[in-house]
C-alpha cells in the first residue's frame, strides 16, 4: 500500500484569546493531527469545543498563539506576503452561515468572481463563462448570477459559497458546519455535492460539524474535540464501531436511530455536570468532572494522546 501524502500537518496548535485584563480563554489547546491529501477529515464535538477556532487557525484566519500548521512543507503562520497570497489560492473556507458570509450589495456573479479577479487575469467573456460554469457545477442556473443573496434560499446561498471556493481551484477546503443552517433534505444535497466535487477534483476537506451521523457519512477519519483538545482520533468506521474515549462513546450513544425497535434496545450514556469554563480549565483531564469512568489520576494529570491501535489515537488514562 502506498504511503499516504500529508497535505496539512498540525503540530501543538494553540489558540488563546485574552478576556479582560488578565483572563485567557483557551479555545484550542495543544492540538496535533495530520490531514492526508484527498481525504475528508471530520472534526466533531459539542458547541464551544473549539472546532471552528481550530479550522480558522489552520487556515491562518486567526494567528496561532503557539504551534505550527504546515501546508506543503511551509508554516502557514510564518509565510511571507507572497507565500500567503499563493496559500490563499490553495486553501479556502466554506462558512457556516450562508447569508452572513455573502456581501448583500454584490450580485451572485460578482461574489463568485471576486477570487478570480484577484488571482487570474481573465477577459470579460472568460469571466462570464467561468461564472456560468461554476453556477452549473453547484446546481444553479446562469440566471442566478444576476441576483442578490437575499433573493436566494438558504440552500442556494450555500451552493454559492461552494462555487466561490471552487472559483480559484483550491486544493484544501475547510467546511465549517456548511449544512447546520439548512433543512434536512437540503443538507443531503449539499453533502452529496461536496462528495461529487471531491471525486472529480481530488479536494481535501476538513469537515467541521456537531452532527455525528453526517460526519460519519462524509469523513474518512474523525477527530473528536472536547474543550479545545483532541479526545480521540481514528478512522470513521473505527470511531463508530469501537470508540474508546468515554466522551466519544457518550456522543455516539446520543445519535438518533430511525428504527424505534432498535432505539429501545440502545442504552444512552447521560453525562452529568456542566462543561468547564475554557477560562478556568480544571487540572488533569478536562472531561474528568463529567466522566462516568473517572479515576483519581484523571483529576490530577492530563492524559497524553497515545496510539492504542493502528491509526487509533486516544487521550485517556484508561489506556495508559
Protein backbone atom coordinates (compact mmCIF):
# COMPACT_ATOMS: atom_id res chain seq x y z
CA UNK A 1 0.00 0.00 0.00
CA UNK A 2 1.38 3.40 -0.99
CA UNK A 3 2.21 5.74 1.87
CA UNK A 4 -0.34 8.50 2.35
CA UNK A 5 0.77 12.00 1.45
CA UNK A 6 0.32 14.54 4.24
CA UNK A 7 -1.09 17.83 2.97
CA UNK A 8 -1.64 19.56 6.34
CA UNK A 9 0.38 18.85 9.47
CA UNK A 10 -0.86 20.45 12.70
CA UNK A 11 1.74 20.45 15.49
CA UNK A 12 0.92 21.57 19.05
CA UNK A 13 -1.54 24.14 17.73
CA UNK A 14 -2.75 26.51 20.44
CA UNK A 15 -5.06 29.50 20.17
CA UNK A 16 -5.81 31.60 23.24
CA UNK A 17 -7.90 34.77 23.44
CA UNK A 18 -7.44 37.47 26.06
CA UNK A 19 -10.62 38.12 28.03
CA UNK A 20 -10.50 41.31 30.04
CA UNK A 21 -7.19 42.39 31.53
CA UNK A 22 -5.80 39.09 32.81
CA UNK A 23 -8.09 36.19 31.91
CA UNK A 24 -7.23 33.91 28.97
CA UNK A 25 -9.74 31.77 27.08
CA UNK A 26 -8.10 28.56 25.85
CA UNK A 27 -10.10 27.94 22.68
CA UNK A 28 -7.62 25.48 21.13
CA UNK A 29 -5.09 23.83 23.43
CA UNK A 30 -2.12 21.81 22.10
CA UNK A 31 -3.84 20.09 19.17
CA UNK A 32 -1.96 17.64 16.90
CA UNK A 33 -3.16 15.87 13.75
CA UNK A 34 -2.35 15.29 10.07
CA UNK A 35 -4.70 15.66 7.11
CA UNK A 36 -3.88 13.44 4.15
CA UNK A 37 -4.20 14.59 0.58
CA UNK A 38 -7.58 13.73 -0.95
CA UNK A 39 -9.30 12.72 2.30
CA UNK A 40 -12.16 14.20 4.29
CA UNK A 41 -11.02 14.85 7.84
CA UNK A 42 -14.02 15.24 10.15
CA UNK A 43 -13.90 17.33 13.33
CA UNK A 44 -16.77 16.86 15.81
CA UNK A 45 -17.70 17.93 19.32
CA UNK A 46 -20.17 19.95 21.32
CA UNK A 47 -20.74 23.64 20.66
CA UNK A 48 -17.89 25.65 22.13
CA UNK A 49 -15.32 22.83 21.95
CA UNK A 50 -13.05 24.82 19.63
CA UNK A 51 -13.88 23.24 16.25
CA UNK A 52 -14.38 26.48 14.34
CA UNK A 53 -11.46 28.24 16.02
CA UNK A 54 -9.25 25.29 15.11
CA UNK A 55 -10.35 25.42 11.47
CA UNK A 56 -9.80 29.15 11.18
CA UNK A 57 -6.40 28.94 12.85
CA UNK A 58 -5.39 26.13 10.49
CA UNK A 59 -6.13 28.45 7.55
CA UNK A 60 -4.33 31.39 9.17
CA UNK A 61 -7.51 33.44 9.65
CA UNK A 62 -6.54 33.61 13.33
CA UNK A 63 -2.86 33.89 14.32
CA UNK A 64 -1.69 30.90 16.35
CA UNK A 65 -0.68 31.51 19.98
CA UNK A 66 1.71 28.56 19.78
CA UNK A 67 2.41 25.67 17.42
CA UNK A 68 2.65 25.20 13.69
CA UNK A 69 0.39 24.46 10.73
CA UNK A 70 2.50 23.02 7.92
CA UNK A 71 0.97 23.14 4.43
CA UNK A 72 3.12 21.62 1.68
CA UNK A 73 6.12 21.95 3.98
CA UNK A 74 5.60 25.63 4.89
CA UNK A 75 4.29 27.05 8.15
CA UNK A 76 1.03 28.91 7.47
CA UNK A 77 1.74 31.34 10.31
CA UNK A 78 5.28 32.24 9.20
CA UNK A 79 4.69 32.83 5.49
CA UNK A 80 5.84 35.93 3.63
CA UNK A 81 3.17 38.10 1.99
CA UNK A 82 3.80 36.46 -1.38
CA UNK A 83 3.67 32.94 0.10
CA UNK A 84 0.47 33.81 1.97
CA UNK A 85 -1.08 35.13 -1.26
CA UNK A 86 -0.40 31.81 -3.03
CA UNK A 87 -1.56 29.84 0.01
CA UNK A 88 -4.94 31.61 -0.04
CA UNK A 89 -5.42 30.35 -3.59
CA UNK A 90 -4.75 26.77 -2.48
CA UNK A 91 -6.82 26.84 0.71
CA UNK A 92 -10.39 28.10 1.06
CA UNK A 93 -13.18 28.26 3.65
CA UNK A 94 -16.90 27.50 3.46
CA UNK A 95 -18.65 29.44 6.22
CA UNK A 96 -21.39 28.16 8.49
CA UNK A 97 -23.88 30.96 7.80
CA UNK A 98 -24.54 31.11 4.05
CA UNK A 99 -26.21 34.52 4.37
CA UNK A 100 -23.81 36.44 6.63
CA UNK A 101 -20.81 35.30 4.59
CA UNK A 102 -22.12 36.81 1.32
CA UNK A 103 -21.95 40.57 0.64
CA UNK A 104 -25.60 41.68 0.28
CA UNK A 105 -24.59 44.55 -2.05
CA UNK A 106 -22.92 42.29 -4.63
CA UNK A 107 -24.56 40.12 -7.25
CA UNK A 108 -24.02 36.37 -7.07
CA UNK A 109 -21.85 36.55 -10.16
CA UNK A 110 -19.56 39.18 -8.66
CA UNK A 111 -19.34 37.24 -5.39
CA UNK A 112 -18.20 34.12 -7.22
CA UNK A 113 -15.76 36.08 -9.39
CA UNK A 114 -14.16 38.04 -6.54
CA UNK A 115 -11.42 35.48 -6.03
CA UNK A 116 -10.90 35.02 -9.76
CA UNK A 117 -10.43 38.76 -10.20
CA UNK A 118 -7.65 38.64 -7.60
CA UNK A 119 -5.79 35.53 -8.76
CA UNK A 120 -6.45 35.30 -12.51
CA UNK A 121 -6.26 37.66 -15.48
CA UNK A 122 -9.46 36.85 -17.37
CA UNK A 123 -11.21 38.65 -20.19
CA UNK A 124 -14.81 39.73 -19.65
CA UNK A 125 -16.09 36.77 -21.69
CA UNK A 126 -13.84 34.28 -19.90
CA UNK A 127 -15.02 35.66 -16.58
CA UNK A 128 -18.70 35.35 -17.51
CA UNK A 129 -18.23 31.85 -18.94
CA UNK A 130 -16.41 30.74 -15.78
CA UNK A 131 -19.15 32.14 -13.54
CA UNK A 132 -21.83 30.31 -15.54
CA UNK A 133 -19.78 27.10 -15.46
CA UNK A 134 -19.44 27.27 -11.67
CA UNK A 135 -23.13 28.01 -11.21
CA UNK A 136 -23.92 24.91 -13.24
CA UNK A 137 -21.40 22.86 -11.26
CA UNK A 138 -23.21 23.59 -7.98
CA UNK A 139 -26.67 23.05 -9.43
CA UNK A 140 -27.73 26.64 -10.11
CA UNK A 141 -28.77 28.38 -13.35
CA UNK A 142 -26.79 31.15 -15.02
CA UNK A 143 -29.73 33.48 -14.33
CA UNK A 144 -28.84 33.24 -10.62
CA UNK A 145 -25.67 35.19 -11.35
CA UNK A 146 -27.60 38.45 -11.70
CA UNK A 147 -29.45 38.04 -8.39
CA UNK A 148 -28.52 39.21 -4.90
CA UNK A 149 -28.08 36.94 -1.86
CA UNK A 150 -31.42 37.88 -0.27
CA UNK A 151 -33.20 36.59 -3.38
CA UNK A 152 -31.94 33.04 -2.87
CA UNK A 153 -32.90 30.28 -0.45
CA UNK A 154 -30.52 29.05 2.25
CA UNK A 155 -29.52 26.01 0.22
CA UNK A 156 -28.89 28.12 -2.86
CA UNK A 157 -26.76 30.57 -0.86
CA UNK A 158 -24.65 27.71 0.48
CA UNK A 159 -24.13 26.49 -3.07
CA UNK A 160 -22.93 30.00 -3.96
CA UNK A 161 -20.44 29.75 -1.09
CA UNK A 162 -19.17 26.47 -2.54
CA UNK A 163 -18.95 27.96 -6.04
CA UNK A 164 -16.95 30.90 -4.65
CA UNK A 165 -14.45 28.41 -3.19
CA UNK A 166 -14.17 26.46 -6.44
CA UNK A 167 -13.57 29.61 -8.48
CA UNK A 168 -9.86 29.75 -7.66
CA UNK A 169 -9.30 25.98 -7.91
CA UNK A 170 -8.11 25.24 -4.34
CA UNK A 171 -6.57 22.01 -3.03
CA UNK A 172 -7.78 22.25 0.57
CA UNK A 173 -11.20 23.40 1.82
CA UNK A 174 -12.28 23.88 5.43
CA UNK A 175 -16.05 23.27 5.60
CA UNK A 176 -17.27 24.93 8.80
CA UNK A 177 -20.65 23.37 9.58
CA UNK A 178 -21.78 24.05 5.99
CA UNK A 179 -25.12 22.27 6.46
CA UNK A 180 -26.16 23.22 10.01
CA UNK A 181 -28.42 26.10 8.88
CA UNK A 182 -30.17 24.05 6.19
CA UNK A 183 -33.22 21.77 6.07
CA UNK A 184 -32.51 18.03 6.26
CA UNK A 185 -33.34 17.40 2.60
CA UNK A 186 -31.05 20.24 1.50
CA UNK A 187 -28.30 19.00 3.82
CA UNK A 188 -28.11 15.73 1.92
CA UNK A 189 -27.92 17.58 -1.41
CA UNK A 190 -25.03 19.77 -0.25
CA UNK A 191 -23.09 16.82 1.23
CA UNK A 192 -23.60 14.79 -1.96
CA UNK A 193 -22.38 17.78 -3.98
CA UNK A 194 -19.22 18.01 -1.83
CA UNK A 195 -18.61 14.28 -2.35
CA UNK A 196 -19.06 14.58 -6.12
CA UNK A 197 -16.67 17.53 -6.31
CA UNK A 198 -14.08 15.66 -4.26
CA UNK A 199 -14.31 12.62 -6.55
CA UNK A 200 -13.93 14.83 -9.61
CA UNK A 201 -11.24 17.27 -8.45
CA UNK A 202 -9.47 15.42 -5.64
CA UNK A 203 -10.17 18.07 -3.00
CA UNK A 204 -9.03 17.65 0.59
CA UNK A 205 -11.69 18.61 3.16
CA UNK A 206 -11.58 19.48 6.83
CA UNK A 207 -15.27 18.99 7.63
CA UNK A 208 -16.39 20.61 10.90
CA UNK A 209 -19.76 19.64 12.36
CA UNK A 210 -21.66 18.69 15.51
CA UNK A 211 -23.83 16.25 13.51
CA UNK A 212 -22.07 12.93 14.06
CA UNK A 213 -24.27 10.96 11.69
CA UNK A 214 -23.44 13.33 8.83
CA UNK A 215 -19.73 13.33 9.70
CA UNK A 216 -19.75 9.53 9.59
CA UNK A 217 -21.29 9.66 6.12
CA UNK A 218 -18.74 12.04 4.60
CA UNK A 219 -15.49 11.54 6.57
CA UNK A 220 -12.58 9.15 6.13
CA UNK A 221 -11.18 9.90 9.60
CA UNK A 222 -12.73 11.69 12.57
CA UNK A 223 -11.19 13.88 15.26
CA UNK A 224 -13.30 14.27 18.41
CA UNK A 225 -12.64 17.52 20.30
CA UNK A 226 -13.55 18.43 23.86
CA UNK A 227 -12.86 21.83 25.44
CA UNK A 228 -10.15 22.76 22.93
CA UNK A 229 -8.29 19.44 22.97
CA UNK A 230 -8.41 16.24 20.91
CA UNK A 231 -10.02 13.38 22.85
CA UNK A 232 -9.92 10.71 20.14
CA UNK A 233 -8.84 10.34 16.52
CA UNK A 234 -9.39 7.33 14.24
CA UNK A 235 -10.94 6.13 11.01
CA UNK A 236 -14.64 6.90 10.70
CA UNK A 237 -15.77 3.27 10.97
CA UNK A 238 -13.47 2.67 13.95
CA UNK A 239 -14.82 5.69 15.83
CA UNK A 240 -18.41 4.49 15.45
CA UNK A 241 -17.87 0.78 16.00
CA UNK A 242 -15.02 0.74 18.55
CA UNK A 243 -14.83 4.16 20.21
CA UNK A 244 -12.57 4.20 23.26
CA UNK A 245 -12.90 7.59 24.94
CA UNK A 246 -15.91 7.89 27.32
CA UNK A 247 -16.80 11.24 25.75
CA UNK A 248 -16.89 9.77 22.24
CA UNK A 249 -18.99 6.88 23.50
CA UNK A 250 -21.48 9.30 25.04
CA UNK A 251 -21.75 11.31 21.81
CA UNK A 252 -22.36 8.20 19.72
CA UNK A 253 -24.98 6.86 22.14
CA UNK A 254 -26.94 10.12 21.62
CA UNK A 255 -27.24 9.72 17.84
CA UNK A 256 -30.94 9.18 16.95
CA UNK A 257 -31.85 5.83 15.39
CA UNK A 258 -34.65 5.80 12.75
CA UNK A 259 -35.89 2.36 13.81
CA UNK A 260 -37.81 2.67 17.13
CA UNK A 261 -37.32 -1.03 17.89
CA UNK A 262 -33.56 -0.67 17.62
CA UNK A 263 -33.68 2.58 19.58
CA UNK A 264 -35.37 0.85 22.53
CA UNK A 265 -32.54 -1.65 22.84
CA UNK A 266 -29.81 1.01 22.92
CA UNK A 267 -28.57 2.37 26.20
CA UNK A 268 -27.81 6.07 26.13
CA UNK A 269 -24.92 7.41 28.17
CA UNK A 270 -26.09 10.51 30.01
CA UNK A 271 -23.37 12.90 31.07
CA UNK A 272 -23.78 14.70 34.39
CA UNK A 273 -22.49 18.16 35.20
CA UNK A 274 -21.55 21.13 33.04
CA UNK A 275 -18.71 21.69 30.58
CA UNK A 276 -15.91 23.50 32.47
CA UNK A 277 -15.10 27.08 31.54
CA UNK A 278 -12.31 27.39 28.93
CA UNK A 279 -11.08 30.35 31.01
CA UNK A 280 -10.70 28.31 34.22
CA UNK A 281 -9.77 24.85 32.99
CA UNK A 282 -9.54 22.34 35.86
CA UNK A 283 -6.32 20.34 36.41
CA UNK A 284 -6.00 16.84 35.00
CA UNK A 285 -8.29 15.54 32.27
CA UNK A 286 -10.73 18.20 31.09
CA UNK A 287 -13.51 15.61 30.89
CA UNK A 288 -12.93 14.13 34.38
CA UNK A 289 -15.73 16.12 36.05
CA UNK A 290 -18.35 14.60 33.72
CA UNK A 291 -16.79 11.20 33.04
CA UNK A 292 -18.61 8.13 34.46
CA UNK A 293 -15.30 6.21 34.46
CA UNK A 294 -13.10 8.87 36.07
CA UNK A 295 -10.31 7.72 38.39
CA UNK A 296 -8.31 9.76 40.95
CA UNK A 297 -5.45 10.21 38.44
CA UNK A 298 -7.88 11.80 35.99
CA UNK A 299 -8.33 14.79 38.31
CA UNK A 300 -4.58 15.22 38.76
CA UNK A 301 -2.75 14.56 35.49
CA UNK A 302 -3.71 15.45 31.93
CA UNK A 303 -3.63 12.32 29.71
CA UNK A 304 -1.34 12.18 26.69
CA UNK A 305 -2.52 11.27 23.22
CA UNK A 306 -1.50 7.65 22.53
CA UNK A 307 -1.87 5.28 19.59
CA UNK A 308 -3.59 2.31 21.24
CA UNK A 309 -4.46 0.62 17.94
CA UNK A 310 -3.09 1.17 14.42
CA UNK A 311 -4.20 4.70 13.43
CA UNK A 312 -6.43 4.94 16.52
CA UNK A 313 -5.36 7.63 18.99
CA UNK A 314 -6.97 8.44 22.33
CA UNK A 315 -6.18 10.74 25.26
CA UNK A 316 -7.47 8.80 28.27
CA UNK A 317 -5.89 7.34 31.43
CA UNK A 318 -7.94 4.15 30.91
CA UNK A 319 -5.43 3.19 28.24
CA UNK A 320 -2.16 4.12 29.99
